[in-house]
Amino acid sequence: MNLTETLLLDAGVWVAAKDSSDRYFDVARALVLDSARGLAALDLTLYETANVVGARWRQPEVAKELSRTIAARCGEHLLPVDTALVSSALDVVVEHGLTAYDAAYVAAARRHGWTLVSTDVADLVSRGLAVAPDAADYP
């Protein structure tokens, strides 16, 4: 998979950047903090990260800060999930047997010609639908 200028980070990458015990912590943090990189996210990423960091970890203030970081880093590339994306995602669901959430990331990356970066090795990276954070860490 060729890397594109804009990297679509799924929720797992954003969460990994906050979790020092995550195997991708260092590289995810570097991706998130590198202001020279073009990053994108889906609006559902805000909910997914809030669910993990705010609800599961019980760190709502950290989740709020992460939400602000995602919005600031992605700017105009913080994409709303609309009916066209849902339709495309459902095609990916059928094609690859993914959840609608994972499929939305794949569909968005395809639509915009972006590289999807994910910590989901089993469902996305192993199938060639995304690259792991360490594969996206290029100078």
Protein backbone atom coordinates (compact mmCIF):
# COMPACT_ATOMS: atom_id res chain seq x y z
CA MET A 1 0.00 0.00 0.00
CA ASN A 2 1.41 3.39 -0.98
CA LEU A 3 1.20 6.06 1.67
CA THR A 4 -0.64 9.26 0.76
CA GLU A 5 -0.02 12.76 2.06
CA THR A 6 -3.15 12.67 4.22
CA LEU A 7 -3.46 9.94 6.80
CA LEU A 8 -6.93 8.95 8.02
CA LEU A 9 -6.39 7.85 11.61
CA ASP A 10 -8.99 5.57 13.12
CA ALA A 11 -9.97 5.84 16.77
CA GLY A 12 -7.46 3.16 17.79
CA VAL A 13 -4.53 5.32 16.71
CA TRP A 14 -5.79 8.35 18.66
CA VAL A 15 -6.35 6.19 21.74
CA ALA A 16 -2.93 4.55 21.38
CA ALA A 17 -1.37 8.03 21.42
CA LYS A 18 -2.78 8.43 24.96
CA ASP A 19 -2.03 4.93 26.28
CA SER A 20 1.61 4.48 27.27
CA SER A 21 1.03 0.72 27.59
CA ASP A 22 -0.15 0.39 23.97
CA ARG A 23 2.35 -1.24 21.61
CA TYR A 24 1.85 1.65 19.17
CA PHE A 25 2.07 4.43 21.77
CA ASP A 26 5.35 6.02 20.62
CA VAL A 27 4.62 5.96 16.91
CA ALA A 28 0.94 6.93 17.34
CA ARG A 29 1.96 9.87 19.50
CA ALA A 30 4.55 10.92 16.93
CA LEU A 31 1.94 10.80 14.15
CA VAL A 32 -0.57 12.84 16.15
CA LEU A 33 1.97 15.45 17.23
CA ASP A 34 3.71 15.92 13.86
CA SER A 35 2.11 19.15 12.64
CA ALA A 36 3.72 18.70 9.22
CA ARG A 37 1.48 15.68 8.55
CA GLY A 38 -1.96 16.00 7.08
CA LEU A 39 -4.37 14.09 9.27
CA ALA A 40 -8.04 13.20 8.86
CA ALA A 41 -10.67 11.61 11.07
CA LEU A 42 -14.35 10.82 10.96
CA ASP A 43 -16.74 12.56 13.31
CA LEU A 44 -17.52 9.14 14.76
CA THR A 45 -13.89 9.06 15.93
CA LEU A 46 -14.85 11.63 18.55
CA TYR A 47 -17.47 9.27 19.98
CA GLU A 48 -15.26 6.20 19.77
CA THR A 49 -12.37 7.87 21.58
CA ALA A 50 -14.73 9.39 24.17
CA ASN A 51 -16.14 5.93 24.80
CA VAL A 52 -12.73 4.40 25.45
CA VAL A 53 -10.99 7.25 27.26
CA GLY A 54 -13.96 8.90 28.95
CA ALA A 55 -16.24 5.98 29.72
CA ARG A 56 -14.02 2.89 29.90
CA TRP A 57 -10.93 4.55 31.37
CA ARG A 58 -13.10 6.96 33.39
CA GLN A 59 -10.97 9.93 32.36
CA PRO A 60 -13.50 12.40 30.92
CA GLU A 61 -11.14 15.38 31.05
CA VAL A 62 -8.53 13.48 29.04
CA ALA A 63 -11.27 12.45 26.59
CA LYS A 64 -12.36 16.08 26.19
CA GLU A 65 -8.78 17.16 25.54
CA LEU A 66 -8.35 14.35 23.02
CA SER A 67 -11.53 15.42 21.25
CA ARG A 68 -10.20 18.97 20.96
CA THR A 69 -6.88 17.62 19.68
CA ILE A 70 -8.59 15.56 16.98
CA ALA A 71 -10.64 18.54 15.84
CA ALA A 72 -7.63 20.86 15.82
CA ARG A 73 -5.29 18.44 14.04
CA CYS A 74 -7.79 17.42 11.38
CA GLY A 75 -9.48 20.77 10.75
CA GLU A 76 -11.47 20.57 7.54
CA HIS A 77 -10.55 16.89 7.30
CA LEU A 78 -12.78 16.01 10.25
CA LEU A 79 -15.44 14.37 8.13
CA PRO A 80 -19.10 14.00 8.96
CA VAL A 81 -20.65 10.61 8.42
CA ASP A 82 -23.37 11.19 5.83
CA THR A 83 -25.77 8.93 3.94
CA ALA A 84 -23.35 8.54 1.01
CA LEU A 85 -20.58 7.38 3.34
CA VAL A 86 -22.96 4.99 5.11
CA SER A 87 -23.95 3.54 1.74
CA SER A 88 -20.31 3.06 0.76
CA ALA A 89 -19.54 1.62 4.19
CA LEU A 90 -22.32 -0.93 3.82
CA ASP A 91 -20.78 -2.05 0.53
CA VAL A 92 -17.50 -2.57 2.42
CA VAL A 93 -19.38 -4.45 5.16
CA VAL A 94 -20.68 -6.90 2.57
CA GLU A 95 -17.34 -7.13 0.75
CA HIS A 96 -15.14 -7.70 3.82
CA GLY A 97 -17.46 -8.67 6.70
CA LEU A 98 -16.43 -5.70 8.84
CA THR A 99 -18.41 -3.72 11.37
CA ALA A 100 -20.08 -0.60 10.01
CA TYR A 101 -17.63 1.46 12.07
CA ASP A 102 -14.52 -0.10 10.54
CA ALA A 103 -16.12 -0.06 7.11
CA ALA A 104 -16.82 3.68 7.42
CA TYR A 105 -13.10 4.33 7.81
CA VAL A 106 -12.29 2.15 4.81
CA ALA A 107 -14.98 3.83 2.70
CA ALA A 108 -13.79 7.32 3.67
CA ALA A 109 -10.17 6.48 2.87
CA ARG A 110 -11.22 5.11 -0.51
CA ARG A 111 -13.44 8.13 -1.27
CA HIS A 112 -10.67 10.63 -0.59
CA GLY A 113 -7.65 8.61 -1.68
CA TRP A 114 -6.17 8.71 1.81
CA THR A 115 -4.13 6.12 3.65
CA LEU A 116 -6.08 4.55 6.50
CA VAL A 117 -3.94 4.04 9.60
CA SER A 118 -5.29 1.63 12.20
CA THR A 119 -4.28 -0.37 15.24
CA ASP A 120 -6.83 -3.02 14.20
CA VAL A 121 -4.38 -5.57 12.84
CA ALA A 122 -6.86 -8.46 12.74
CA ASP A 123 -9.65 -6.79 10.78
CA LEU A 124 -8.02 -4.00 8.79
CA VAL A 125 -4.23 -4.20 8.57
CA SER A 126 -4.00 -7.94 7.90
CA ARG A 127 -6.49 -7.57 5.03
CA GLY A 128 -4.55 -4.75 3.39
CA LEU A 129 -7.31 -2.22 4.12
CA ALA A 130 -5.10 -0.12 6.42
CA VAL A 131 -1.53 0.22 7.56
CA ALA A 132 -0.38 -0.05 11.15
CA PRO A 133 0.93 3.14 12.76
CA ASP A 134 4.53 1.98 12.52
CA ALA A 135 4.15 1.50 8.75
CA ALA A 136 2.86 5.07 8.42
CA ASP A 137 5.78 6.52 10.32
CA TYR A 138 7.94 7.77 7.51
CA PRO A 139 10.02 10.95 7.42
